[in-house]
PDB file of N, CA and C in Angstrom:
ATOM      1  N   MET A   1       3.478 -14.161  14.037  1.00  0.00           N
ATOM      2  CA  MET A   1       2.041 -14.252  14.019  1.00  0.00           C
ATOM      3  C   MET A   1       1.596 -14.857  15.341  1.00  0.00           C
ATOM      4  N   GLY A   2       0.451 -14.425  15.796  1.00  0.00           N
ATOM      5  CA  GLY A   2      -0.055 -14.926  17.055  1.00  0.00           C
ATOM      6  C   GLY A   2      -1.569 -15.010  17.051  1.00  0.00           C
ATOM      7  N   ILE A   3      -2.092 -15.378  18.180  1.00  0.00           N
ATOM      8  CA  ILE A   3      -3.532 -15.496  18.341  1.00  0.00           C
ATOM      9  C   ILE A   3      -4.001 -14.364  19.250  1.00  0.00           C
ATOM     10  N   VAL A   4      -5.054 -13.681  18.825  1.00  0.00           N
ATOM     11  CA  VAL A   4      -5.657 -12.621  19.619  1.00  0.00           C
ATOM     12  C   VAL A   4      -7.067 -13.068  19.956  1.00  0.00           C
ATOM     13  N   LYS A   5      -7.388 -13.100  21.232  1.00  0.00           N
ATOM     14  CA  LYS A   5      -8.721 -13.505  21.643  1.00  0.00           C
ATOM     15  C   LYS A   5      -9.619 -12.278  21.665  1.00  0.00           C
ATOM     16  N   ILE A   6     -10.771 -12.395  21.035  1.00  0.00           N
ATOM     17  CA  ILE A   6     -11.750 -11.308  21.020  1.00  0.00           C
ATOM     18  C   ILE A   6     -13.105 -11.874  21.397  1.00  0.00           C
ATOM     19  N   SER A   7     -14.000 -10.996  21.759  1.00  0.00           N
ATOM     20  CA  SER A   7     -15.344 -11.418  22.160  1.00  0.00           C
ATOM     21  C   SER A   7     -16.140 -11.911  20.949  1.00  0.00           C
ATOM     22  N   ASP A   8     -17.146 -12.693  21.222  1.00  0.00           N
ATOM     23  CA  ASP A   8     -18.024 -13.169  20.151  1.00  0.00           C
ATOM     24  C   ASP A   8     -18.708 -12.025  19.409  1.00  0.00           C
ATOM     25  N   PRO A   9     -19.222 -10.996  20.128  1.00  0.00           N
ATOM     26  CA  PRO A   9     -19.836  -9.884  19.387  1.00  0.00           C
ATOM     27  C   PRO A   9     -18.851  -9.152  18.465  1.00  0.00           C
ATOM     28  N   MET A  10     -17.603  -8.975  18.907  1.00  0.00           N
ATOM     29  CA  MET A  10     -16.618  -8.314  18.046  1.00  0.00           C
ATOM     30  C   MET A  10     -16.281  -9.198  16.853  1.00  0.00           C
ATOM     31  N   HIS A  11     -16.213 -10.505  17.063  1.00  0.00           N
ATOM     32  CA  HIS A  11     -15.955 -11.424  15.955  1.00  0.00           C
ATOM     33  C   HIS A  11     -17.071 -11.300  14.919  1.00  0.00           C
ATOM     34  N   GLU A  12     -18.289 -11.191  15.374  1.00  0.00           N
ATOM     35  CA  GLU A  12     -19.418 -11.026  14.442  1.00  0.00           C
ATOM     36  C   GLU A  12     -19.320  -9.687  13.712  1.00  0.00           C
ATOM     37  N   ASN A  13     -18.926  -8.630  14.420  1.00  0.00           N
ATOM     38  CA  ASN A  13     -18.726  -7.328  13.770  1.00  0.00           C
ATOM     39  C   ASN A  13     -17.663  -7.434  12.679  1.00  0.00           C
ATOM     40  N   LEU A  14     -16.580  -8.131  12.976  1.00  0.00           N
ATOM     41  CA  LEU A  14     -15.518  -8.327  11.990  1.00  0.00           C
ATOM     42  C   LEU A  14     -16.013  -9.121  10.795  1.00  0.00           C
ATOM     43  N   ARG A  15     -16.809 -10.146  11.047  1.00  0.00           N
ATOM     44  CA  ARG A  15     -17.334 -10.971   9.969  1.00  0.00           C
ATOM     45  C   ARG A  15     -18.207 -10.149   9.033  1.00  0.00           C
ATOM     46  N   VAL A  16     -19.107  -9.341   9.610  1.00  0.00           N
ATOM     47  CA  VAL A  16     -20.020  -8.527   8.808  1.00  0.00           C
ATOM     48  C   VAL A  16     -19.253  -7.463   8.029  1.00  0.00           C
ATOM     49  N   ALA A  17     -18.382  -6.724   8.714  1.00  0.00           N
ATOM     50  CA  ALA A  17     -17.614  -5.665   8.047  1.00  0.00           C
ATOM     51  C   ALA A  17     -16.689  -6.252   6.989  1.00  0.00           C
ATOM     52  N   GLY A  18     -16.047  -7.363   7.306  1.00  0.00           N
ATOM     53  CA  GLY A  18     -15.154  -7.998   6.350  1.00  0.00           C
ATOM     54  C   GLY A  18     -15.895  -8.455   5.100  1.00  0.00           C
ATOM     55  N   ALA A  19     -17.069  -9.049   5.279  1.00  0.00           N
ATOM     56  CA  ALA A  19     -17.855  -9.490   4.123  1.00  0.00           C
ATOM     57  C   ALA A  19     -18.294  -8.295   3.280  1.00  0.00           C
ATOM     58  N   ALA A  20     -18.706  -7.222   3.934  1.00  0.00           N
ATOM     59  CA  ALA A  20     -19.166  -6.031   3.211  1.00  0.00           C
ATOM     60  C   ALA A  20     -18.039  -5.387   2.415  1.00  0.00           C
ATOM     61  N   LEU A  21     -16.814  -5.486   2.909  1.00  0.00           N
ATOM     62  CA  LEU A  21     -15.677  -4.839   2.271  1.00  0.00           C
ATOM     63  C   LEU A  21     -14.757  -5.821   1.550  1.00  0.00           C
ATOM     64  N   SER A  22     -15.243  -7.033   1.340  1.00  0.00           N
ATOM     65  CA  SER A  22     -14.483  -8.080   0.631  1.00  0.00           C
ATOM     66  C   SER A  22     -13.136  -8.355   1.280  1.00  0.00           C
ATOM     67  N   ARG A  23     -13.129  -8.417   2.610  1.00  0.00           N
ATOM     68  CA  ARG A  23     -11.915  -8.747   3.363  1.00  0.00           C
ATOM     69  C   ARG A  23     -12.197  -9.985   4.209  1.00  0.00           C
ATOM     70  N   SER A  24     -11.160 -10.746   4.488  1.00  0.00           N
ATOM     71  CA  SER A  24     -11.305 -11.842   5.442  1.00  0.00           C
ATOM     72  C   SER A  24     -11.495 -11.243   6.840  1.00  0.00           C
ATOM     73  N   ILE A  25     -11.913 -12.076   7.770  1.00  0.00           N
ATOM     74  CA  ILE A  25     -12.058 -11.611   9.157  1.00  0.00           C
ATOM     75  C   ILE A  25     -10.714 -11.113   9.671  1.00  0.00           C
ATOM     76  N   ASN A  26      -9.641 -11.860   9.395  1.00  0.00           N
ATOM     77  CA  ASN A  26      -8.309 -11.441   9.851  1.00  0.00           C
ATOM     78  C   ASN A  26      -7.874 -10.135   9.200  1.00  0.00           C
ATOM     79  N   ALA A  27      -8.135  -9.984   7.911  1.00  0.00           N
ATOM     80  CA  ALA A  27      -7.755  -8.751   7.217  1.00  0.00           C
ATOM     81  C   ALA A  27      -8.537  -7.560   7.765  1.00  0.00           C
ATOM     82  N   GLN A  28      -9.814  -7.763   8.073  1.00  0.00           N
ATOM     83  CA  GLN A  28     -10.622  -6.678   8.637  1.00  0.00           C
ATOM     84  C   GLN A  28     -10.106  -6.292  10.013  1.00  0.00           C
ATOM     85  N   ALA A  29      -9.780  -7.292  10.833  1.00  0.00           N
ATOM     86  CA  ALA A  29      -9.246  -7.011  12.167  1.00  0.00           C
ATOM     87  C   ALA A  29      -7.933  -6.243  12.067  1.00  0.00           C
ATOM     88  N   GLU A  30      -7.067  -6.660  11.163  1.00  0.00           N
ATOM     89  CA  GLU A  30      -5.784  -5.970  10.998  1.00  0.00           C
ATOM     90  C   GLU A  30      -5.997  -4.538  10.517  1.00  0.00           C
ATOM     91  N   HIS A  31      -6.944  -4.340   9.616  1.00  0.00           N
ATOM     92  CA  HIS A  31      -7.249  -2.982   9.140  1.00  0.00           C
ATOM     93  C   HIS A  31      -7.691  -2.102  10.304  1.00  0.00           C
ATOM     94  N   TRP A  32      -8.614  -2.607  11.117  1.00  0.00           N
ATOM     95  CA  TRP A  32      -9.085  -1.815  12.258  1.00  0.00           C
ATOM     96  C   TRP A  32      -7.961  -1.551  13.251  1.00  0.00           C
ATOM     97  N   MET A  33      -7.062  -2.506  13.419  1.00  0.00           N
ATOM     98  CA  MET A  33      -5.935  -2.290  14.331  1.00  0.00           C
ATOM     99  C   MET A  33      -4.999  -1.215  13.799  1.00  0.00           C
ATOM    100  N   ARG A  34      -4.753  -1.233  12.497  1.00  0.00           N
ATOM    101  CA  ARG A  34      -3.899  -0.198  11.899  1.00  0.00           C
ATOM    102  C   ARG A  34      -4.513   1.188  12.066  1.00  0.00           C
ATOM    103  N   VAL A  35      -5.792   1.301  11.754  1.00  0.00           N
ATOM    104  CA  VAL A  35      -6.480   2.587  11.878  1.00  0.00           C
ATOM    105  C   VAL A  35      -6.450   3.048  13.334  1.00  0.00           C
ATOM    106  N   GLY A  36      -6.727   2.140  14.255  1.00  0.00           N
ATOM    107  CA  GLY A  36      -6.709   2.486  15.679  1.00  0.00           C
ATOM    108  C   GLY A  36      -5.336   2.898  16.164  1.00  0.00           C
ATOM    109  N   MET A  37      -4.305   2.184  15.719  1.00  0.00           N
ATOM    110  CA  MET A  37      -2.936   2.509  16.111  1.00  0.00           C
ATOM    111  C   MET A  37      -2.579   3.913  15.634  1.00  0.00           C
ATOM    112  N   LEU A  38      -2.896   4.212  14.372  1.00  0.00           N
ATOM    113  CA  LEU A  38      -2.589   5.541  13.842  1.00  0.00           C
ATOM    114  C   LEU A  38      -3.415   6.622  14.537  1.00  0.00           C
ATOM    115  N   ALA A  39      -4.669   6.316  14.860  1.00  0.00           N
ATOM    116  CA  ALA A  39      -5.505   7.294  15.566  1.00  0.00           C
ATOM    117  C   ALA A  39      -4.929   7.612  16.942  1.00  0.00           C
ATOM    118  N   GLU A  40      -4.369   6.612  17.608  1.00  0.00           N
ATOM    119  CA  GLU A  40      -3.749   6.862  18.914  1.00  0.00           C
ATOM    120  C   GLU A  40      -2.419   7.593  18.775  1.00  0.00           C
ATOM    121  N   MET A  41      -1.646   7.246  17.753  1.00  0.00           N
ATOM    122  CA  MET A  41      -0.346   7.893  17.560  1.00  0.00           C
ATOM    123  C   MET A  41      -0.489   9.333  17.084  1.00  0.00           C
ATOM    124  N   TYR A  42      -1.507   9.591  16.279  1.00  0.00           N
ATOM    125  CA  TYR A  42      -1.728  10.908  15.679  1.00  0.00           C
ATOM    126  C   TYR A  42      -3.176  11.347  15.934  1.00  0.00           C
ATOM    127  N   PRO A  43      -3.499  11.751  17.157  1.00  0.00           N
ATOM    128  CA  PRO A  43      -4.891  12.066  17.495  1.00  0.00           C
ATOM    129  C   PRO A  43      -5.481  13.242  16.723  1.00  0.00           C
ATOM    130  N   ASP A  44      -4.649  14.056  16.111  1.00  0.00           N
ATOM    131  CA  ASP A  44      -5.170  15.188  15.342  1.00  0.00           C
ATOM    132  C   ASP A  44      -5.540  14.809  13.913  1.00  0.00           C
ATOM    133  N   MET A  45      -5.193  13.599  13.481  1.00  0.00           N
ATOM    134  CA  MET A  45      -5.512  13.158  12.120  1.00  0.00           C
ATOM    135  C   MET A  45      -6.967  12.727  12.013  1.00  0.00           C
ATOM    136  N   ASP A  46      -7.595  13.103  10.918  1.00  0.00           N
ATOM    137  CA  ASP A  46      -8.933  12.590  10.651  1.00  0.00           C
ATOM    138  C   ASP A  46      -8.824  11.289   9.852  1.00  0.00           C
ATOM    139  N   HIS A  47      -9.961  10.649   9.622  1.00  0.00           N
ATOM    140  CA  HIS A  47      -9.960   9.350   8.942  1.00  0.00           C
ATOM    141  C   HIS A  47      -9.339   9.437   7.550  1.00  0.00           C
ATOM    142  N   ARG A  48      -9.608  10.503   6.834  1.00  0.00           N
ATOM    143  CA  ARG A  48      -9.048  10.674   5.485  1.00  0.00           C
ATOM    144  C   ARG A  48      -7.532  10.699   5.535  1.00  0.00           C
ATOM    145  N   ALA A  49      -6.968  11.434   6.485  1.00  0.00           N
ATOM    146  CA  ALA A  49      -5.515  11.523   6.616  1.00  0.00           C
ATOM    147  C   ALA A  49      -4.920  10.172   7.022  1.00  0.00           C
ATOM    148  N   ILE A  50      -5.602   9.450   7.895  1.00  0.00           N
ATOM    149  CA  ILE A  50      -5.140   8.123   8.290  1.00  0.00           C
ATOM    150  C   ILE A  50      -5.121   7.194   7.079  1.00  0.00           C
ATOM    151  N   CYS A  51      -6.150   7.245   6.252  1.00  0.00           N
ATOM    152  CA  CYS A  51      -6.180   6.424   5.036  1.00  0.00           C
ATOM    153  C   CYS A  51      -5.028   6.777   4.104  1.00  0.00           C
ATOM    154  N   GLN A  52      -4.699   8.056   4.012  1.00  0.00           N
ATOM    155  CA  GLN A  52      -3.576   8.466   3.173  1.00  0.00           C
ATOM    156  C   GLN A  52      -2.260   7.909   3.714  1.00  0.00           C
ATOM    157  N   VAL A  53      -2.096   7.911   5.023  1.00  0.00           N
ATOM    158  CA  VAL A  53      -0.889   7.339   5.629  1.00  0.00           C
ATOM    159  C   VAL A  53      -0.823   5.843   5.332  1.00  0.00           C
ATOM    160  N   LEU A  54      -1.963   5.151   5.424  1.00  0.00           N
ATOM    161  CA  LEU A  54      -1.992   3.712   5.142  1.00  0.00           C
ATOM    162  C   LEU A  54      -1.624   3.418   3.692  1.00  0.00           C
ATOM    163  N   VAL A  55      -2.136   4.217   2.772  1.00  0.00           N
ATOM    164  CA  VAL A  55      -1.808   4.018   1.360  1.00  0.00           C
ATOM    165  C   VAL A  55      -0.325   4.285   1.131  1.00  0.00           C
ATOM    166  N   GLN A  56       0.199   5.369   1.689  1.00  0.00           N
ATOM    167  CA  GLN A  56       1.617   5.673   1.519  1.00  0.00           C
ATOM    168  C   GLN A  56       2.489   4.596   2.143  1.00  0.00           C
ATOM    169  N   ALA A  57       2.087   4.112   3.312  1.00  0.00           N
ATOM    170  CA  ALA A  57       2.847   3.043   3.966  1.00  0.00           C
ATOM    171  C   ALA A  57       2.881   1.795   3.091  1.00  0.00           C
ATOM    172  N   GLU A  58       1.771   1.478   2.452  1.00  0.00           N
ATOM    173  CA  GLU A  58       1.729   0.319   1.561  1.00  0.00           C
ATOM    174  C   GLU A  58       2.673   0.520   0.378  1.00  0.00           C
ATOM    175  N   LEU A  59       2.689   1.721  -0.177  1.00  0.00           N
ATOM    176  CA  LEU A  59       3.597   2.025  -1.278  1.00  0.00           C
ATOM    177  C   LEU A  59       5.060   1.924  -0.843  1.00  0.00           C
ATOM    178  N   ASP A  60       5.304   2.213   0.444  1.00  0.00           N
ATOM    179  CA  ASP A  60       6.667   2.175   0.983  1.00  0.00           C
ATOM    180  C   ASP A  60       7.057   0.787   1.487  1.00  0.00           C
ATOM    181  N   GLY A  61       6.179  -0.201   1.328  1.00  0.00           N
ATOM    182  CA  GLY A  61       6.533  -1.565   1.726  1.00  0.00           C
ATOM    183  C   GLY A  61       5.797  -2.097   2.936  1.00  0.00           C
ATOM    184  N   GLY A  62       4.867  -1.349   3.476  1.00  0.00           N
ATOM    185  CA  GLY A  62       4.078  -1.829   4.611  1.00  0.00           C
ATOM    186  C   GLY A  62       4.172  -0.909   5.812  1.00  0.00           C
ATOM    187  N   LEU A  63       3.177  -1.005   6.670  1.00  0.00           N
ATOM    188  CA  LEU A  63       3.118  -0.166   7.863  1.00  0.00           C
ATOM    189  C   LEU A  63       4.092  -0.684   8.912  1.00  0.00           C
ATOM    190  N   ASP A  64       5.007   0.153   9.334  1.00  0.00           N
ATOM    191  CA  ASP A  64       6.029  -0.202  10.304  1.00  0.00           C
ATOM    192  C   ASP A  64       6.069   0.873  11.375  1.00  0.00           C
ATOM    193  N   ILE A  65       5.773   0.504  12.601  1.00  0.00           N
ATOM    194  CA  ILE A  65       5.695   1.482  13.683  1.00  0.00           C
ATOM    195  C   ILE A  65       7.039   2.186  13.901  1.00  0.00           C
ATOM    196  N   HIS A  66       8.146   1.486  13.673  1.00  0.00           N
ATOM    197  CA  HIS A  66       9.464   2.105  13.857  1.00  0.00           C
ATOM    198  C   HIS A  66       9.677   3.263  12.875  1.00  0.00           C
ATOM    199  N   SER A  67       9.285   3.053  11.620  1.00  0.00           N
ATOM    200  CA  SER A  67       9.452   4.133  10.642  1.00  0.00           C
ATOM    201  C   SER A  67       8.479   5.266  10.911  1.00  0.00           C
ATOM    202  N   LEU A  68       7.277   4.953  11.403  1.00  0.00           N
ATOM    203  CA  LEU A  68       6.316   6.016  11.734  1.00  0.00           C
ATOM    204  C   LEU A  68       6.842   6.891  12.855  1.00  0.00           C
ATOM    205  N   VAL A  69       7.418   6.268  13.876  1.00  0.00           N
ATOM    206  CA  VAL A  69       7.974   7.035  14.997  1.00  0.00           C
ATOM    207  C   VAL A  69       9.143   7.884  14.520  1.00  0.00           C
ATOM    208  N   ALA A  70       9.987   7.326  13.666  1.00  0.00           N
ATOM    209  CA  ALA A  70      11.125   8.098  13.143  1.00  0.00           C
ATOM    210  C   ALA A  70      10.644   9.305  12.333  1.00  0.00           C
ATOM    211  N   LYS A  71       9.623   9.096  11.489  1.00  0.00           N
ATOM    212  CA  LYS A  71       9.073  10.214  10.705  1.00  0.00           C
ATOM    213  C   LYS A  71       8.464  11.265  11.613  1.00  0.00           C
ATOM    214  N   ALA A  72       7.775  10.837  12.658  1.00  0.00           N
ATOM    215  CA  ALA A  72       7.159  11.787  13.592  1.00  0.00           C
ATOM    216  C   ALA A  72       8.224  12.606  14.305  1.00  0.00           C
ATOM    217  N   ARG A  73       9.335  11.973  14.649  1.00  0.00           N
ATOM    218  CA  ARG A  73      10.426  12.683  15.330  1.00  0.00           C
ATOM    219  C   ARG A  73      11.060  13.709  14.407  1.00  0.00           C
ATOM    220  N   MET A  74      11.204  13.355  13.128  1.00  0.00           N
ATOM    221  CA  MET A  74      11.788  14.286  12.164  1.00  0.00           C
ATOM    222  C   MET A  74      10.869  15.472  11.924  1.00  0.00           C
ATOM    223  N   ALA A  75       9.556  15.244  11.959  1.00  0.00           N
ATOM    224  CA  ALA A  75       8.605  16.309  11.717  1.00  0.00           C
ATOM    225  C   ALA A  75       8.485  17.263  12.904  1.00  0.00           C
ATOM    226  N   ALA A  76       8.856  16.784  14.090  1.00  0.00           N
ATOM    227  CA  ALA A  76       8.721  17.607  15.313  1.00  0.00           C
ATOM    228  C   ALA A  76       9.822  18.616  15.439  1.00  0.00           C
TER     229      ALA A  76
END
């Protein structure tokens, strides 16, 4: 675990979004990071597909970039 420095406006965005979605600020930030990471790794995926990957990853024990890369290599 570490500390990530973000701007005050982004912190406020996280606070508002987190409150609206019943998530802590940290949980909201982590959610956005996961979605962003998957969007960069799989630019052809839409938001619905990214959410499906997140749900499946949770069922499989959590999102792990090493397993995602391995799955992508097998699919190629």
